[in-house]
PDB file of N, CA and C in Angstrom:
ATOM      1  N   UNK A   1       0.837  -1.196  -0.009  1.00  0.00           N
ATOM      2  CA  UNK A   1       0.013   0.024  -0.005  1.00  0.00           C
ATOM      3  C   UNK A   1       0.845   1.250  -0.006  1.00  0.00           C
ATOM      4  N   UNK A   2       1.937   1.252   0.799  1.00  0.00           N
ATOM      5  CA  UNK A   2       2.789   2.412   0.828  1.00  0.00           C
ATOM      6  C   UNK A   2       3.515   2.646  -0.531  1.00  0.00           C
ATOM      7  N   UNK A   3       3.829   1.504  -1.225  1.00  0.00           N
ATOM      8  CA  UNK A   3       4.508   1.725  -2.493  1.00  0.00           C
ATOM      9  C   UNK A   3       3.455   2.316  -3.530  1.00  0.00           C
ATOM     10  N   UNK A   4       2.247   1.946  -3.407  1.00  0.00           N
ATOM     11  CA  UNK A   4       1.252   2.581  -4.325  1.00  0.00           C
ATOM     12  C   UNK A   4       1.107   4.046  -3.994  1.00  0.00           C
ATOM     13  N   UNK A   5       1.093   4.445  -2.830  1.00  0.00           N
ATOM     14  CA  UNK A   5       0.939   5.884  -2.401  1.00  0.00           C
ATOM     15  C   UNK A   5       2.225   6.637  -2.903  1.00  0.00           C
ATOM     16  N   UNK A   6       3.405   6.083  -2.677  1.00  0.00           N
ATOM     17  CA  UNK A   6       4.614   6.711  -3.170  1.00  0.00           C
ATOM     18  C   UNK A   6       4.582   6.833  -4.666  1.00  0.00           C
ATOM     19  N   UNK A   7       4.145   5.814  -5.426  1.00  0.00           N
ATOM     20  CA  UNK A   7       4.074   5.908  -6.856  1.00  0.00           C
ATOM     21  C   UNK A   7       3.142   6.899  -7.333  1.00  0.00           C
ATOM     22  N   UNK A   8       1.954   7.045  -6.659  1.00  0.00           N
ATOM     23  CA  UNK A   8       0.942   8.009  -7.064  1.00  0.00           C
ATOM     24  C   UNK A   8       1.511   9.388  -6.832  1.00  0.00           C
ATOM     25  N   UNK A   9       2.163   9.648  -5.754  1.00  0.00           N
ATOM     26  CA  UNK A   9       2.790  10.957  -5.495  1.00  0.00           C
ATOM     27  C   UNK A   9       3.910  11.265  -6.457  1.00  0.00           C
ATOM     28  N   UNK A  10       4.687  10.275  -6.763  1.00  0.00           N
ATOM     29  CA  UNK A  10       5.786  10.517  -7.686  1.00  0.00           C
ATOM     30  C   UNK A  10       5.272  10.792  -9.082  1.00  0.00           C
ATOM     31  N   UNK A  11       4.217  10.208  -9.549  1.00  0.00           N
ATOM     32  CA  UNK A  11       3.665  10.353 -10.879  1.00  0.00           C
ATOM     33  C   UNK A  11       2.850  11.632 -10.993  1.00  0.00           C
ATOM     34  N   UNK A  12       2.401  12.190  -9.939  1.00  0.00           N
ATOM     35  CA  UNK A  12       1.486  13.428 -10.009  1.00  0.00           C
ATOM     36  C   UNK A  12       2.048  14.593  -9.252  1.00  0.00           C
ATOM     37  N   UNK A  13       3.397  14.642  -9.189  1.00  0.00           N
ATOM     38  CA  UNK A  13       4.036  15.757  -8.466  1.00  0.00           C
ATOM     39  C   UNK A  13       3.689  17.128  -8.971  1.00  0.00           C
ATOM     40  N   UNK A  14       3.673  17.288 -10.320  1.00  0.00           N
ATOM     41  CA  UNK A  14       3.373  18.623 -10.897  1.00  0.00           C
ATOM     42  C   UNK A  14       1.936  18.983 -10.632  1.00  0.00           C
ATOM     43  N   UNK A  15       1.021  18.011 -10.703  1.00  0.00           N
ATOM     44  CA  UNK A  15      -0.367  18.248 -10.466  1.00  0.00           C
ATOM     45  C   UNK A  15      -0.612  18.649  -9.028  1.00  0.00           C
ATOM     46  N   UNK A  16       0.035  17.920  -8.083  1.00  0.00           N
ATOM     47  CA  UNK A  16      -0.074  18.286  -6.670  1.00  0.00           C
ATOM     48  C   UNK A  16       0.360  19.713  -6.395  1.00  0.00           C
ATOM     49  N   UNK A  17       1.436  20.135  -7.010  1.00  0.00           N
ATOM     50  CA  UNK A  17       2.015  21.473  -6.825  1.00  0.00           C
ATOM     51  C   UNK A  17       0.918  22.470  -7.323  1.00  0.00           C
ATOM     52  N   UNK A  18       0.338  22.207  -8.497  1.00  0.00           N
ATOM     53  CA  UNK A  18      -0.644  23.125  -9.099  1.00  0.00           C
ATOM     54  C   UNK A  18      -1.898  23.174  -8.192  1.00  0.00           C
ATOM     55  N   UNK A  19      -2.328  22.072  -7.681  1.00  0.00           N
ATOM     56  CA  UNK A  19      -3.466  21.990  -6.823  1.00  0.00           C
ATOM     57  C   UNK A  19      -3.240  22.832  -5.514  1.00  0.00           C
ATOM     58  N   UNK A  20      -2.048  22.621  -4.940  1.00  0.00           N
ATOM     59  CA  UNK A  20      -1.708  23.357  -3.733  1.00  0.00           C
ATOM     60  C   UNK A  20      -1.658  24.908  -3.973  1.00  0.00           C
ATOM     61  N   UNK A  21      -1.156  25.249  -5.196  1.00  0.00           N
ATOM     62  CA  UNK A  21      -1.064  26.700  -5.471  1.00  0.00           C
ATOM     63  C   UNK A  21      -2.498  27.242  -5.697  1.00  0.00           C
ATOM     64  N   UNK A  22      -3.375  26.415  -6.287  1.00  0.00           N
ATOM     65  CA  UNK A  22      -4.764  26.870  -6.494  1.00  0.00           C
ATOM     66  C   UNK A  22      -5.437  27.008  -5.148  1.00  0.00           C
ATOM     67  N   UNK A  23      -5.227  26.063  -4.229  1.00  0.00           N
ATOM     68  CA  UNK A  23      -5.870  26.196  -2.884  1.00  0.00           C
ATOM     69  C   UNK A  23      -5.387  27.374  -2.163  1.00  0.00           C
ATOM     70  N   UNK A  24      -4.065  27.690  -2.265  1.00  0.00           N
ATOM     71  CA  UNK A  24      -3.594  28.949  -1.590  1.00  0.00           C
ATOM     72  C   UNK A  24      -4.238  30.175  -2.223  1.00  0.00           C
ATOM     73  N   UNK A  25      -4.403  30.181  -3.510  1.00  0.00           N
ATOM     74  CA  UNK A  25      -4.993  31.320  -4.193  1.00  0.00           C
ATOM     75  C   UNK A  25      -6.441  31.568  -3.752  1.00  0.00           C
ATOM     76  N   UNK A  26      -7.146  30.406  -3.572  1.00  0.00           N
ATOM     77  CA  UNK A  26      -8.580  30.495  -3.071  1.00  0.00           C
ATOM     78  C   UNK A  26      -8.642  31.048  -1.716  1.00  0.00           C
ATOM     79  N   UNK A  27      -7.714  30.617  -0.798  1.00  0.00           N
ATOM     80  CA  UNK A  27      -7.754  31.126   0.550  1.00  0.00           C
ATOM     81  C   UNK A  27      -7.445  32.628   0.566  1.00  0.00           C
ATOM     82  N   UNK A  28      -6.431  33.038  -0.204  1.00  0.00           N
ATOM     83  CA  UNK A  28      -6.102  34.426  -0.287  1.00  0.00           C
ATOM     84  C   UNK A  28      -7.338  35.300  -0.778  1.00  0.00           C
ATOM     85  N   UNK A  29      -8.013  34.808  -1.811  1.00  0.00           N
ATOM     86  CA  UNK A  29      -9.188  35.524  -2.331  1.00  0.00           C
ATOM     87  C   UNK A  29     -10.262  35.650  -1.301  1.00  0.00           C
ATOM     88  N   UNK A  30     -10.492  34.521  -0.546  1.00  0.00           N
ATOM     89  CA  UNK A  30     -11.502  34.510   0.437  1.00  0.00           C
ATOM     90  C   UNK A  30     -11.195  35.573   1.554  1.00  0.00           C
ATOM     91  N   UNK A  31      -9.912  35.536   2.031  1.00  0.00           N
ATOM     92  CA  UNK A  31      -9.508  36.426   3.058  1.00  0.00           C
ATOM     93  C   UNK A  31      -9.622  37.942   2.621  1.00  0.00           C
ATOM     94  N   UNK A  32      -9.279  38.169   1.398  1.00  0.00           N
ATOM     95  CA  UNK A  32      -9.372  39.547   0.878  1.00  0.00           C
ATOM     96  C   UNK A  32     -10.882  39.931   0.784  1.00  0.00           C
ATOM     97  N   UNK A  33     -11.697  39.074   0.261  1.00  0.00           N
ATOM     98  CA  UNK A  33     -13.126  39.359   0.171  1.00  0.00           C
ATOM     99  C   UNK A  33     -13.739  39.597   1.540  1.00  0.00           C
ATOM    100  N   UNK A  34     -13.323  38.893   2.563  1.00  0.00           N
ATOM    101  CA  UNK A  34     -13.897  39.072   3.862  1.00  0.00           C
ATOM    102  C   UNK A  34     -13.421  40.346   4.528  1.00  0.00           C
ATOM    103  N   UNK A  35     -12.284  40.870   4.101  1.00  0.00           N
ATOM    104  CA  UNK A  35     -11.735  42.073   4.793  1.00  0.00           C
ATOM    105  C   UNK A  35     -12.027  43.363   4.004  1.00  0.00           C
ATOM    106  N   UNK A  36     -12.668  43.293   2.813  1.00  0.00           N
ATOM    107  CA  UNK A  36     -13.010  44.440   2.085  1.00  0.00           C
ATOM    108  C   UNK A  36     -14.372  44.911   2.546  1.00  0.00           C
ATOM    109  N   UNK A  37     -14.511  46.005   3.110  1.00  0.00           N
ATOM    110  CA  UNK A  37     -15.778  46.454   3.669  1.00  0.00           C
ATOM    111  C   UNK A  37     -16.739  47.011   2.582  1.00  0.00           C
ATOM    112  N   UNK A  38     -17.944  46.795   2.697  1.00  0.00           N
ATOM    113  CA  UNK A  38     -18.985  47.340   1.821  1.00  0.00           C
ATOM    114  C   UNK A  38     -18.997  46.860   0.378  1.00  0.00           C
ATOM    115  N   UNK A  39     -18.438  45.799   0.053  1.00  0.00           N
ATOM    116  CA  UNK A  39     -18.494  45.340  -1.342  1.00  0.00           C
ATOM    117  C   UNK A  39     -19.802  44.605  -1.631  1.00  0.00           C
ATOM    118  N   UNK A  40     -20.288  43.847  -0.702  1.00  0.00           N
ATOM    119  CA  UNK A  40     -21.436  43.034  -0.973  1.00  0.00           C
ATOM    120  C   UNK A  40     -22.746  43.770  -0.667  1.00  0.00           C
TER     121      UNK A  40
END
């Protein structure tokens, strides 16, 4: 099972980086939207 997990991570390293970057961007946008007064 551990070898399967390692293989999956090794084969999708670029995709994992892109997903993490997208998640960080979403969090930043949400924080900015919550702190901007009077937009909604």
